[in-house]
PDB file of all heavy atoms in Angstrom:
ATOM      1  N   SER A   1      -6.554 -50.755  53.056  1.00  0.00           N
ATOM      2  CA  SER A   1      -7.665 -51.759  53.051  1.00  0.00           C
ATOM      3  C   SER A   1      -7.590 -52.693  54.299  1.00  0.00           C
ATOM      4  O   SER A   1      -8.524 -53.361  54.585  1.00  0.00           O
ATOM      5  CB  SER A   1      -7.572 -52.633  51.872  1.00  0.00           C
ATOM      6  OG  SER A   1      -6.344 -53.391  51.812  1.00  0.00           O
ATOM      7  N   ARG A   2      -6.482 -52.609  55.049  1.00  0.00           N
ATOM      8  CA  ARG A   2      -6.291 -53.451  56.235  1.00  0.00           C
ATOM      9  C   ARG A   2      -5.723 -52.641  57.397  1.00  0.00           C
ATOM     10  O   ARG A   2      -5.012 -53.158  58.228  1.00  0.00           O
ATOM     11  CB  ARG A   2      -5.306 -54.597  55.977  1.00  0.00           C
ATOM     12  CG  ARG A   2      -5.501 -55.449  54.738  1.00  0.00           C
ATOM     13  CD  ARG A   2      -6.647 -56.359  54.793  1.00  0.00           C
ATOM     14  NE  ARG A   2      -6.538 -57.444  53.841  1.00  0.00           N
ATOM     15  CZ  ARG A   2      -6.819 -57.289  52.574  1.00  0.00           C
ATOM     16  NH1 ARG A   2      -7.024 -56.059  52.035  1.00  0.00           N
ATOM     17  NH2 ARG A   2      -6.723 -58.326  51.723  1.00  0.00           N
ATOM     18  N   ARG A   3      -6.101 -51.437  57.424  1.00  0.00           N
ATOM     19  CA  ARG A   3      -5.423 -50.502  58.417  1.00  0.00           C
ATOM     20  C   ARG A   3      -5.623 -50.897  59.808  1.00  0.00           C
ATOM     21  O   ARG A   3      -4.658 -50.843  60.669  1.00  0.00           O
ATOM     22  CB  ARG A   3      -5.942 -49.045  58.196  1.00  0.00           C
ATOM     23  CG  ARG A   3      -5.288 -48.055  59.123  1.00  0.00           C
ATOM     24  CD  ARG A   3      -5.612 -46.583  58.659  1.00  0.00           C
ATOM     25  NE  ARG A   3      -5.078 -46.324  57.453  1.00  0.00           N
ATOM     26  CZ  ARG A   3      -3.802 -45.966  57.172  1.00  0.00           C
ATOM     27  NH1 ARG A   3      -2.947 -45.852  58.215  1.00  0.00           N
ATOM     28  NH2 ARG A   3      -3.379 -45.683  55.949  1.00  0.00           N
ATOM     29  N   ALA A   4      -6.775 -51.379  60.235  1.00  0.00           N
ATOM     30  CA  ALA A   4      -7.015 -51.753  61.623  1.00  0.00           C
ATOM     31  C   ALA A   4      -6.041 -52.849  62.057  1.00  0.00           C
ATOM     32  O   ALA A   4      -5.458 -52.795  63.133  1.00  0.00           O
ATOM     33  CB  ALA A   4      -8.518 -52.169  61.834  1.00  0.00           C
ATOM     34  N   TRP A   5      -5.958 -53.898  61.230  1.00  0.00           N
ATOM     35  CA  TRP A   5      -5.078 -54.980  61.586  1.00  0.00           C
ATOM     36  C   TRP A   5      -3.603 -54.522  61.575  1.00  0.00           C
ATOM     37  O   TRP A   5      -2.827 -54.803  62.405  1.00  0.00           O
ATOM     38  CB  TRP A   5      -5.166 -56.178  60.592  1.00  0.00           C
ATOM     39  CG  TRP A   5      -4.148 -57.203  60.758  1.00  0.00           C
ATOM     40  CD1 TRP A   5      -4.110 -58.198  61.687  1.00  0.00           C
ATOM     41  CD2 TRP A   5      -2.931 -57.326  60.017  1.00  0.00           C
ATOM     42  NE1 TRP A   5      -2.953 -58.988  61.581  1.00  0.00           N
ATOM     43  CE2 TRP A   5      -2.198 -58.451  60.516  1.00  0.00           C
ATOM     44  CE3 TRP A   5      -2.350 -56.634  58.977  1.00  0.00           C
ATOM     45  CZ2 TRP A   5      -0.988 -58.841  60.008  1.00  0.00           C
ATOM     46  CZ3 TRP A   5      -1.086 -57.026  58.456  1.00  0.00           C
ATOM     47  CH2 TRP A   5      -0.481 -58.107  58.937  1.00  0.00           C
ATOM     48  N   TRP A   6      -3.283 -53.735  60.535  1.00  0.00           N
ATOM     49  CA  TRP A   6      -1.898 -53.315  60.262  1.00  0.00           C
ATOM     50  C   TRP A   6      -1.482 -52.463  61.526  1.00  0.00           C
ATOM     51  O   TRP A   6      -0.306 -52.672  62.004  1.00  0.00           O
ATOM     52  CB  TRP A   6      -1.813 -52.475  58.977  1.00  0.00           C
ATOM     53  CG  TRP A   6      -0.464 -52.087  58.534  1.00  0.00           C
ATOM     54  CD1 TRP A   6       0.440 -52.842  57.930  1.00  0.00           C
ATOM     55  CD2 TRP A   6       0.205 -50.816  58.763  1.00  0.00           C
ATOM     56  NE1 TRP A   6       1.557 -52.165  57.680  1.00  0.00           N
ATOM     57  CE2 TRP A   6       1.476 -50.895  58.175  1.00  0.00           C
ATOM     58  CE3 TRP A   6      -0.226 -49.642  59.271  1.00  0.00           C
ATOM     59  CZ2 TRP A   6       2.314 -49.832  58.130  1.00  0.00           C
ATOM     60  CZ3 TRP A   6       0.626 -48.557  59.248  1.00  0.00           C
ATOM     61  CH2 TRP A   6       1.924 -48.647  58.728  1.00  0.00           C
ATOM     62  N   GLU A   7      -2.267 -51.534  61.926  1.00  0.00           N
ATOM     63  CA  GLU A   7      -1.873 -50.706  63.048  1.00  0.00           C
ATOM     64  C   GLU A   7      -1.934 -51.380  64.399  1.00  0.00           C
ATOM     65  O   GLU A   7      -1.275 -50.982  65.345  1.00  0.00           O
ATOM     66  CB  GLU A   7      -2.733 -49.383  63.149  1.00  0.00           C
ATOM     67  CG  GLU A   7      -2.496 -48.477  61.924  1.00  0.00           C
ATOM     68  CD  GLU A   7      -3.200 -47.140  62.156  1.00  0.00           C
ATOM     69  OE1 GLU A   7      -3.984 -47.054  63.192  1.00  0.00           O
ATOM     70  OE2 GLU A   7      -3.028 -46.293  61.284  1.00  0.00           O
ATOM     71  N   SER A   8      -2.742 -52.467  64.470  1.00  0.00           N
ATOM     72  CA  SER A   8      -2.840 -53.246  65.736  1.00  0.00           C
ATOM     73  C   SER A   8      -1.501 -53.901  66.130  1.00  0.00           C
ATOM     74  O   SER A   8      -1.272 -54.290  67.273  1.00  0.00           O
ATOM     75  CB  SER A   8      -3.917 -54.328  65.565  1.00  0.00           C
ATOM     76  OG  SER A   8      -3.469 -55.399  64.740  1.00  0.00           O
ATOM     77  N   LEU A   9      -0.535 -54.022  65.183  1.00  0.00           N
ATOM     78  CA  LEU A   9       0.777 -54.677  65.535  1.00  0.00           C
ATOM     79  C   LEU A   9       1.684 -53.675  66.056  1.00  0.00           C
ATOM     80  O   LEU A   9       2.783 -54.077  66.517  1.00  0.00           O
ATOM     81  CB  LEU A   9       1.332 -55.232  64.154  1.00  0.00           C
ATOM     82  CG  LEU A   9       0.459 -56.384  63.532  1.00  0.00           C
ATOM     83  CD1 LEU A   9       1.138 -56.733  62.220  1.00  0.00           C
ATOM     84  CD2 LEU A   9       0.305 -57.541  64.485  1.00  0.00           C
ATOM     85  N   LEU A  10       1.359 -52.370  66.104  1.00  0.00           N
ATOM     86  CA  LEU A  10       2.188 -51.348  66.692  1.00  0.00           C
ATOM     87  C   LEU A  10       2.065 -51.375  68.258  1.00  0.00           C
ATOM     88  O   LEU A  10       0.926 -51.485  68.805  1.00  0.00           O
ATOM     89  CB  LEU A  10       1.941 -49.958  66.151  1.00  0.00           C
ATOM     90  CG  LEU A  10       2.163 -49.782  64.597  1.00  0.00           C
ATOM     91  CD1 LEU A  10       1.572 -48.432  64.164  1.00  0.00           C
ATOM     92  CD2 LEU A  10       3.610 -49.830  64.334  1.00  0.00           C
ATOM     93  N   PRO A  11       3.124 -51.149  68.897  1.00  0.00           N
ATOM     94  CA  PRO A  11       3.094 -51.107  70.407  1.00  0.00           C
ATOM     95  C   PRO A  11       2.451 -49.715  70.888  1.00  0.00           C
ATOM     96  O   PRO A  11       2.415 -48.778  70.149  1.00  0.00           O
ATOM     97  CB  PRO A  11       4.481 -51.275  70.883  1.00  0.00           C
ATOM     98  CG  PRO A  11       5.355 -50.799  69.731  1.00  0.00           C
ATOM     99  CD  PRO A  11       4.589 -51.123  68.542  1.00  0.00           C
ATOM    100  N   GLU A  12       2.017 -49.755  72.130  1.00  0.00           N
ATOM    101  CA  GLU A  12       1.609 -48.452  72.714  1.00  0.00           C
ATOM    102  C   GLU A  12       2.748 -47.539  72.818  1.00  0.00           C
ATOM    103  O   GLU A  12       3.799 -47.848  73.220  1.00  0.00           O
ATOM    104  CB  GLU A  12       0.950 -48.783  74.050  1.00  0.00           C
ATOM    105  CG  GLU A  12      -0.366 -49.601  74.010  1.00  0.00           C
ATOM    106  CD  GLU A  12      -1.424 -48.860  73.280  1.00  0.00           C
ATOM    107  OE1 GLU A  12      -1.508 -47.643  73.328  1.00  0.00           O
ATOM    108  OE2 GLU A  12      -2.283 -49.545  72.750  1.00  0.00           O
ATOM    109  N   ALA A  13       2.474 -46.219  72.397  1.00  0.00           N
ATOM    110  CA  ALA A  13       3.504 -45.238  72.442  1.00  0.00           C
ATOM    111  C   ALA A  13       2.847 -43.819  72.387  1.00  0.00           C
ATOM    112  O   ALA A  13       1.625 -43.710  72.184  1.00  0.00           O
ATOM    113  CB  ALA A  13       4.499 -45.352  71.291  1.00  0.00           C
ATOM    114  N   SER A  14       3.702 -42.872  72.695  1.00  0.00           N
ATOM    115  CA  SER A  14       3.185 -41.430  72.650  1.00  0.00           C
ATOM    116  C   SER A  14       2.879 -41.096  71.199  1.00  0.00           C
ATOM    117  O   SER A  14       3.305 -41.842  70.264  1.00  0.00           O
ATOM    118  CB  SER A  14       4.189 -40.561  73.232  1.00  0.00           C
ATOM    119  OG  SER A  14       5.412 -40.549  72.502  1.00  0.00           O
ATOM    120  N   GLU A  15       2.222 -39.995  71.012  1.00  0.00           N
ATOM    121  CA  GLU A  15       1.865 -39.618  69.686  1.00  0.00           C
ATOM    122  C   GLU A  15       3.018 -39.370  68.797  1.00  0.00           C
ATOM    123  O   GLU A  15       3.053 -39.739  67.645  1.00  0.00           O
ATOM    124  CB  GLU A  15       1.014 -38.325  69.705  1.00  0.00           C
ATOM    125  CG  GLU A  15       0.426 -37.920  68.347  1.00  0.00           C
ATOM    126  CD  GLU A  15      -0.576 -36.756  68.445  1.00  0.00           C
ATOM    127  OE1 GLU A  15      -0.972 -36.355  69.590  1.00  0.00           O
ATOM    128  OE2 GLU A  15      -0.853 -36.133  67.449  1.00  0.00           O
ATOM    129  N   SER A  16       4.110 -38.673  69.388  1.00  0.00           N
ATOM    130  CA  SER A  16       5.286 -38.448  68.554  1.00  0.00           C
ATOM    131  C   SER A  16       6.000 -39.676  68.210  1.00  0.00           C
ATOM    132  O   SER A  16       6.488 -39.870  67.141  1.00  0.00           O
ATOM    133  CB  SER A  16       6.211 -37.489  69.325  1.00  0.00           C
ATOM    134  OG  SER A  16       6.634 -38.039  70.515  1.00  0.00           O
ATOM    135  N   GLN A  17       6.160 -40.641  69.199  1.00  0.00           N
ATOM    136  CA  GLN A  17       6.746 -41.920  68.926  1.00  0.00           C
ATOM    137  C   GLN A  17       6.015 -42.756  67.951  1.00  0.00           C
ATOM    138  O   GLN A  17       6.559 -43.533  67.141  1.00  0.00           O
ATOM    139  CB  GLN A  17       7.018 -42.609  70.284  1.00  0.00           C
ATOM    140  CG  GLN A  17       7.990 -42.012  71.189  1.00  0.00           C
ATOM    141  CD  GLN A  17       8.060 -42.765  72.504  1.00  0.00           C
ATOM    142  OE1 GLN A  17       7.132 -43.317  73.041  1.00  0.00           O
ATOM    143  NE2 GLN A  17       9.339 -42.790  73.123  1.00  0.00           N
ATOM    144  N   ARG A  18       4.701 -42.703  68.053  1.00  0.00           N
ATOM    145  CA  ARG A  18       3.777 -43.546  67.182  1.00  0.00           C
ATOM    146  C   ARG A  18       3.968 -43.110  65.742  1.00  0.00           C
ATOM    147  O   ARG A  18       3.965 -44.061  64.912  1.00  0.00           O
ATOM    148  CB  ARG A  18       2.386 -43.356  67.627  1.00  0.00           C
ATOM    149  CG  ARG A  18       1.407 -44.323  66.873  1.00  0.00           C
ATOM    150  CD  ARG A  18       0.037 -44.254  67.439  1.00  0.00           C
ATOM    151  NE  ARG A  18      -0.910 -45.089  66.677  1.00  0.00           N
ATOM    152  CZ  ARG A  18      -0.992 -46.446  66.819  1.00  0.00           C
ATOM    153  NH1 ARG A  18      -0.253 -46.977  67.709  1.00  0.00           N
ATOM    154  NH2 ARG A  18      -1.905 -47.116  66.094  1.00  0.00           N
ATOM    155  N   ALA A  19       4.179 -41.903  65.460  1.00  0.00           N
ATOM    156  CA  ALA A  19       4.355 -41.425  64.112  1.00  0.00           C
ATOM    157  C   ALA A  19       5.647 -42.086  63.510  1.00  0.00           C
ATOM    158  O   ALA A  19       5.607 -42.506  62.311  1.00  0.00           O
ATOM    159  CB  ALA A  19       4.493 -39.864  64.009  1.00  0.00           C
ATOM    160  N   LYS A  20       6.702 -42.121  64.280  1.00  0.00           N
ATOM    161  CA  LYS A  20       7.887 -42.722  63.804  1.00  0.00           C
ATOM    162  C   LYS A  20       7.767 -44.228  63.673  1.00  0.00           C
ATOM    163  O   LYS A  20       8.254 -44.864  62.682  1.00  0.00           O
ATOM    164  CB  LYS A  20       9.065 -42.492  64.849  1.00  0.00           C
ATOM    165  CG  LYS A  20       9.464 -41.034  64.956  1.00  0.00           C
ATOM    166  CD  LYS A  20      10.594 -40.804  65.966  1.00  0.00           C
ATOM    167  CE  LYS A  20      10.940 -39.336  66.036  1.00  0.00           C
ATOM    168  NZ  LYS A  20      12.047 -39.158  67.120  1.00  0.00           N
ATOM    169  N   MET A  21       7.029 -44.879  64.571  1.00  0.00           N
ATOM    170  CA  MET A  21       6.779 -46.287  64.448  1.00  0.00           C
ATOM    171  C   MET A  21       5.945 -46.596  63.185  1.00  0.00           C
ATOM    172  O   MET A  21       6.234 -47.581  62.470  1.00  0.00           O
ATOM    173  CB  MET A  21       6.047 -46.843  65.656  1.00  0.00           C
ATOM    174  CG  MET A  21       6.875 -46.832  66.953  1.00  0.00           C
ATOM    175  SD  MET A  21       5.991 -47.418  68.321  1.00  0.00           S
ATOM    176  CE  MET A  21       7.225 -47.274  69.653  1.00  0.00           C
ATOM    177  N   ILE A  22       5.000 -45.829  62.867  1.00  0.00           N
ATOM    178  CA  ILE A  22       4.159 -45.987  61.705  1.00  0.00           C
ATOM    179  C   ILE A  22       5.064 -45.975  60.400  1.00  0.00           C
ATOM    180  O   ILE A  22       4.939 -46.799  59.539  1.00  0.00           O
ATOM    181  CB  ILE A  22       2.990 -45.063  61.678  1.00  0.00           C
ATOM    182  CG1 ILE A  22       1.933 -45.386  62.711  1.00  0.00           C
ATOM    183  CG2 ILE A  22       2.363 -44.941  60.194  1.00  0.00           C
ATOM    184  CD1 ILE A  22       0.805 -44.420  62.848  1.00  0.00           C
ATOM    185  N   GLU A  23       5.905 -44.972  60.404  1.00  0.00           N
ATOM    186  CA  GLU A  23       6.789 -44.817  59.203  1.00  0.00           C
ATOM    187  C   GLU A  23       7.717 -45.962  59.039  1.00  0.00           C
ATOM    188  O   GLU A  23       7.937 -46.519  58.030  1.00  0.00           O
ATOM    189  CB  GLU A  23       7.584 -43.469  59.313  1.00  0.00           C
ATOM    190  CG  GLU A  23       8.341 -43.182  58.042  1.00  0.00           C
ATOM    191  CD  GLU A  23       7.581 -43.123  56.852  1.00  0.00           C
ATOM    192  OE1 GLU A  23       6.311 -42.620  56.909  1.00  0.00           O
ATOM    193  OE2 GLU A  23       8.030 -43.489  55.792  1.00  0.00           O
ATOM    194  N   ALA A  24       8.263 -46.528  60.234  1.00  0.00           N
ATOM    195  CA  ALA A  24       9.140 -47.591  60.158  1.00  0.00           C
ATOM    196  C   ALA A  24       8.438 -48.883  59.714  1.00  0.00           C
ATOM    197  O   ALA A  24       8.893 -49.681  58.977  1.00  0.00           O
ATOM    198  CB  ALA A  24       9.837 -47.826  61.538  1.00  0.00           C
ATOM    199  N   TRP A  25       7.242 -49.127  60.229  1.00  0.00           N
ATOM    200  CA  TRP A  25       6.407 -50.238  59.918  1.00  0.00           C
ATOM    201  C   TRP A  25       5.995 -50.190  58.452  1.00  0.00           C
ATOM    202  O   TRP A  25       5.941 -51.172  57.760  1.00  0.00           O
ATOM    203  CB  TRP A  25       5.158 -50.252  60.849  1.00  0.00           C
ATOM    204  CG  TRP A  25       4.179 -51.340  60.650  1.00  0.00           C
ATOM    205  CD1 TRP A  25       2.915 -51.375  61.041  1.00  0.00           C
ATOM    206  CD2 TRP A  25       4.490 -52.755  60.286  1.00  0.00           C
ATOM    207  NE1 TRP A  25       2.199 -52.544  60.761  1.00  0.00           N
ATOM    208  CE2 TRP A  25       3.244 -53.420  60.317  1.00  0.00           C
ATOM    209  CE3 TRP A  25       5.522 -53.450  59.821  1.00  0.00           C
ATOM    210  CZ2 TRP A  25       3.029 -54.825  59.933  1.00  0.00           C
ATOM    211  CZ3 TRP A  25       5.428 -54.821  59.434  1.00  0.00           C
ATOM    212  CH2 TRP A  25       4.156 -55.400  59.505  1.00  0.00           C
ATOM    213  N   ARG A  26       5.786 -48.944  57.927  1.00  0.00           N
ATOM    214  CA  ARG A  26       5.433 -48.861  56.528  1.00  0.00           C
ATOM    215  C   ARG A  26       6.656 -49.236  55.616  1.00  0.00           C
ATOM    216  O   ARG A  26       6.487 -49.984  54.655  1.00  0.00           O
ATOM    217  CB  ARG A  26       5.059 -47.418  56.237  1.00  0.00           C
ATOM    218  CG  ARG A  26       4.552 -47.179  54.769  1.00  0.00           C
ATOM    219  CD  ARG A  26       4.279 -45.619  54.503  1.00  0.00           C
ATOM    220  NE  ARG A  26       3.443 -45.103  55.522  1.00  0.00           N
ATOM    221  CZ  ARG A  26       2.064 -45.154  55.479  1.00  0.00           C
ATOM    222  NH1 ARG A  26       1.456 -45.740  54.487  1.00  0.00           N
ATOM    223  NH2 ARG A  26       1.368 -44.595  56.441  1.00  0.00           N
ATOM    224  N   SER A  27       7.773 -48.822  56.054  1.00  0.00           N
ATOM    225  CA  SER A  27       8.995 -49.162  55.296  1.00  0.00           C
ATOM    226  C   SER A  27       9.279 -50.693  55.407  1.00  0.00           C
ATOM    227  O   SER A  27       9.669 -51.340  54.347  1.00  0.00           O
ATOM    228  CB  SER A  27      10.269 -48.462  55.842  1.00  0.00           C
ATOM    229  OG  SER A  27      10.149 -47.068  55.780  1.00  0.00           O
TER     230      SER A  27
END
């Protein structure tokens, strides 16, 4: 329900790195 804001806090990264960052941010 808040994906745009939630993902906006992630730094710029490659696609492979971004997947790891998303999982860490989810945890």
